[in-house]
C-alpha atoms as a PDB file:
ATOM      1  CA  MET A   1     -10.967 158.196 -60.443  1.00  0.00           C
ATOM      2  CA  THR A   2      -7.991 155.861 -60.143  1.00  0.00           C
ATOM      3  CA  ARG A   3      -5.069 156.457 -57.791  1.00  0.00           C
ATOM      4  CA  TYR A   4      -2.877 157.114 -60.844  1.00  0.00           C
ATOM      5  CA  GLU A   5      -5.300 159.817 -62.056  1.00  0.00           C
ATOM      6  CA  GLN A   6      -5.432 161.393 -58.583  1.00  0.00           C
ATOM      7  CA  GLY A   7      -1.628 161.468 -58.405  1.00  0.00           C
ATOM      8  CA  ALA A   8      -1.313 162.835 -61.951  1.00  0.00           C
ATOM      9  CA  ASN A   9      -3.830 165.578 -61.120  1.00  0.00           C
ATOM     10  CA  LEU A  10      -1.780 166.575 -58.064  1.00  0.00           C
ATOM     11  CA  GLU A  11       1.393 166.650 -60.182  1.00  0.00           C
ATOM     12  CA  ARG A  12      -0.389 168.872 -62.743  1.00  0.00           C
ATOM     13  CA  LEU A  13      -1.612 171.147 -59.945  1.00  0.00           C
ATOM     14  CA  ILE A  14       1.939 171.551 -58.606  1.00  0.00           C
ATOM     15  CA  VAL A  15       3.391 172.237 -62.060  1.00  0.00           C
ATOM     16  CA  ASN A  16       0.619 174.680 -62.994  1.00  0.00           C
ATOM     17  CA  ARG A  17       0.922 176.605 -59.729  1.00  0.00           C
ATOM     18  CA  CYS A  18       4.686 176.877 -60.181  1.00  0.00           C
ATOM     19  CA  ARG A  19       4.287 178.041 -63.762  1.00  0.00           C
ATOM     20  CA  GLY A  20       1.648 180.539 -62.633  1.00  0.00           C
ATOM     21  CA  ALA A  21       4.271 182.003 -60.291  1.00  0.00           C
ATOM     22  CA  GLY A  22       6.880 182.130 -63.071  1.00  0.00           C
ATOM     23  CA  ILE A  23       8.815 179.096 -61.807  1.00  0.00           C
ATOM     24  CA  PHE A  24      10.016 176.512 -64.327  1.00  0.00           C
ATOM     25  CA  SER A  25       8.539 173.095 -63.626  1.00  0.00           C
ATOM     26  CA  LEU A  26       7.610 169.893 -65.397  1.00  0.00           C
ATOM     27  CA  ARG A  27       6.184 166.497 -64.585  1.00  0.00           C
ATOM     28  CA  SER A  28       7.482 163.104 -65.570  1.00  0.00           C
ATOM     29  CA  ALA A  29       4.243 161.664 -66.991  1.00  0.00           C
ATOM     30  CA  GLY A  30       3.713 157.945 -66.579  1.00  0.00           C
ATOM     31  CA  SER A  31       7.009 157.513 -64.781  1.00  0.00           C
ATOM     32  CA  LYS A  32       7.422 154.537 -62.483  1.00  0.00           C
ATOM     33  CA  THR A  33      10.397 156.170 -60.762  1.00  0.00           C
ATOM     34  CA  ILE A  34      10.577 158.160 -57.553  1.00  0.00           C
ATOM     35  CA  VAL A  35      10.769 161.439 -59.511  1.00  0.00           C
ATOM     36  CA  ASP A  36       7.257 162.692 -60.336  1.00  0.00           C
ATOM     37  CA  GLY A  37       8.536 166.013 -61.617  1.00  0.00           C
ATOM     38  CA  VAL A  38      11.122 168.765 -61.361  1.00  0.00           C
ATOM     39  CA  ILE A  39      10.955 172.344 -60.114  1.00  0.00           C
ATOM     40  CA  TYR A  40      13.796 174.745 -60.952  1.00  0.00           C
ATOM     41  CA  TYR A  41      13.722 177.437 -58.272  1.00  0.00           C
ATOM     42  CA  ARG A  42      16.289 180.093 -57.390  1.00  0.00           C
ATOM     43  CA  GLY A  43      19.103 178.323 -59.183  1.00  0.00           C
ATOM     44  CA  ILE A  44      18.434 174.853 -57.802  1.00  0.00           C
ATOM     45  CA  MET A  45      16.808 171.866 -59.478  1.00  0.00           C
ATOM     46  CA  PHE A  46      14.373 170.146 -57.122  1.00  0.00           C
ATOM     47  CA  PRO A  47      13.117 166.717 -58.192  1.00  0.00           C
ATOM     48  CA  PHE A  48       9.882 165.962 -56.337  1.00  0.00           C
ATOM     49  CA  GLN A  49       7.616 163.121 -55.293  1.00  0.00           C
ATOM     50  CA  ALA A  50       3.923 164.029 -54.930  1.00  0.00           C
ATOM     51  CA  LYS A  51       1.605 162.262 -52.477  1.00  0.00           C
ATOM     52  CA  LYS A  52      -2.176 162.738 -52.446  1.00  0.00           C
ATOM     53  CA  GLY A  53      -4.521 162.359 -49.511  1.00  0.00           C
ATOM     54  CA  GLY A  54      -3.222 160.468 -46.502  1.00  0.00           C
ATOM     55  CA  SER A  55      -0.616 158.552 -48.521  1.00  0.00           C
ATOM     56  CA  LYS A  56       2.594 158.043 -46.636  1.00  0.00           C
ATOM     57  CA  ILE A  57       6.018 157.498 -48.080  1.00  0.00           C
ATOM     58  CA  SER A  58       7.262 153.974 -47.508  1.00  0.00           C
ATOM     59  CA  VAL A  59      10.672 153.052 -46.118  1.00  0.00           C
ATOM     60  CA  ALA A  60      11.583 151.605 -49.528  1.00  0.00           C
ATOM     61  CA  GLU A  61      10.639 154.913 -51.227  1.00  0.00           C
ATOM     62  CA  LYS A  62      12.639 156.890 -48.654  1.00  0.00           C
ATOM     63  CA  ASN A  63      15.660 154.685 -49.287  1.00  0.00           C
ATOM     64  CA  LYS A  64      15.332 155.205 -53.059  1.00  0.00           C
ATOM     65  CA  ILE A  65      15.096 158.979 -52.536  1.00  0.00           C
ATOM     66  CA  TYR A  66      18.197 159.050 -50.317  1.00  0.00           C
ATOM     67  CA  ASP A  67      20.074 156.889 -52.840  1.00  0.00           C
ATOM     68  CA  PHE A  68      18.996 159.306 -55.589  1.00  0.00           C
ATOM     69  CA  MET A  69      20.160 162.316 -53.547  1.00  0.00           C
ATOM     70  CA  THR A  70      23.490 160.642 -52.776  1.00  0.00           C
ATOM     71  CA  PHE A  71      24.074 159.793 -56.437  1.00  0.00           C
ATOM     72  CA  THR A  72      22.969 163.141 -57.933  1.00  0.00           C
ATOM     73  CA  HIS A  73      23.922 165.542 -55.108  1.00  0.00           C
ATOM     74  CA  VAL A  74      20.658 167.470 -55.505  1.00  0.00           C
ATOM     75  CA  PRO A  75      18.003 168.165 -52.864  1.00  0.00           C
ATOM     76  CA  PHE A  76      14.689 166.330 -53.154  1.00  0.00           C
ATOM     77  CA  LEU A  77      11.199 167.548 -52.288  1.00  0.00           C
ATOM     78  CA  LEU A  78       8.314 165.546 -50.901  1.00  0.00           C
ATOM     79  CA  ILE A  79       5.097 167.427 -51.748  1.00  0.00           C
ATOM     80  CA  GLN A  80       1.983 166.240 -49.931  1.00  0.00           C
ATOM     81  CA  LYS A  81      -1.646 167.317 -50.328  1.00  0.00           C
ATOM     82  CA  PRO A  82      -3.776 165.906 -47.510  1.00  0.00           C
ATOM     83  CA  LEU A  83      -7.527 165.939 -48.077  1.00  0.00           C
ATOM     84  CA  ARG A  84      -9.027 169.387 -47.417  1.00  0.00           C
ATOM     85  CA  SER A  85      -5.644 170.745 -46.318  1.00  0.00           C
ATOM     86  CA  ALA A  86      -2.904 172.961 -47.678  1.00  0.00           C
ATOM     87  CA  ILE A  87       0.003 171.602 -49.683  1.00  0.00           C
ATOM     88  CA  LYS A  88       3.012 170.648 -47.537  1.00  0.00           C
ATOM     89  CA  VAL A  89       6.544 170.737 -48.953  1.00  0.00           C
ATOM     90  CA  THR A  90       9.370 168.918 -47.170  1.00  0.00           C
ATOM     91  CA  ALA A  91      13.028 169.038 -48.184  1.00  0.00           C
ATOM     92  CA  MET A  92      14.304 165.493 -47.739  1.00  0.00           C
ATOM     93  CA  GLY A  93      17.463 165.240 -45.671  1.00  0.00           C
ATOM     94  CA  GLY A  94      17.032 168.798 -44.386  1.00  0.00           C
ATOM     95  CA  LEU A  95      18.720 170.239 -47.474  1.00  0.00           C
ATOM     96  CA  GLU A  96      17.513 173.582 -48.799  1.00  0.00           C
ATOM     97  CA  THR A  97      14.760 173.736 -46.174  1.00  0.00           C
ATOM     98  CA  PHE A  98      14.355 177.504 -46.536  1.00  0.00           C
ATOM     99  CA  LYS A  99      13.715 177.272 -50.283  1.00  0.00           C
ATOM    100  CA  ALA A 100      11.326 174.364 -49.722  1.00  0.00           C
ATOM    101  CA  LEU A 101       9.331 176.531 -47.297  1.00  0.00           C
ATOM    102  CA  GLU A 102       9.279 179.358 -49.853  1.00  0.00           C
ATOM    103  CA  LEU A 103       7.919 176.944 -52.457  1.00  0.00           C
ATOM    104  CA  GLU A 104       5.303 175.724 -49.984  1.00  0.00           C
ATOM    105  CA  LYS A 105       4.072 179.296 -49.555  1.00  0.00           C
ATOM    106  CA  ILE A 106       4.019 179.846 -53.323  1.00  0.00           C
ATOM    107  CA  LEU A 107       2.097 176.621 -53.966  1.00  0.00           C
ATOM    108  CA  ASN A 108      -0.504 177.460 -51.308  1.00  0.00           C
ATOM    109  CA  LYS A 109      -0.787 181.157 -52.197  1.00  0.00           C
ATOM    110  CA  LEU A 110      -2.170 180.510 -55.670  1.00  0.00           C
ATOM    111  CA  VAL A 111      -5.823 179.571 -55.346  1.00  0.00           C
ATOM    112  CA  GLU A 112      -7.467 177.052 -57.660  1.00  0.00           C
ATOM    113  CA  LYS A 113     -10.211 178.564 -59.820  1.00  0.00           C
END
């Protein structure tokens, strides 16, 4: 399985778990931007970047995310899924941290079948 397929599968997992919890979400298929998808939760639109395995976010990616947040004035989520570990959700820039933690619980509560 290619890295693209692994990343796309993680994005689908995130979107499907959100939808399973009644949360609107979508992924930006094939996108070469920093936004892998969007989650609309409790009145706030959260664009997200998904990282699989031990992938780290580069300084260049962080800079693009902060530029995006500055331009759009919306919080941004980094969603990571380390191997054999629970999903971790981080609100970039410390914005909306409480809602990010709620989403983390929702994403980990729903078990894959």
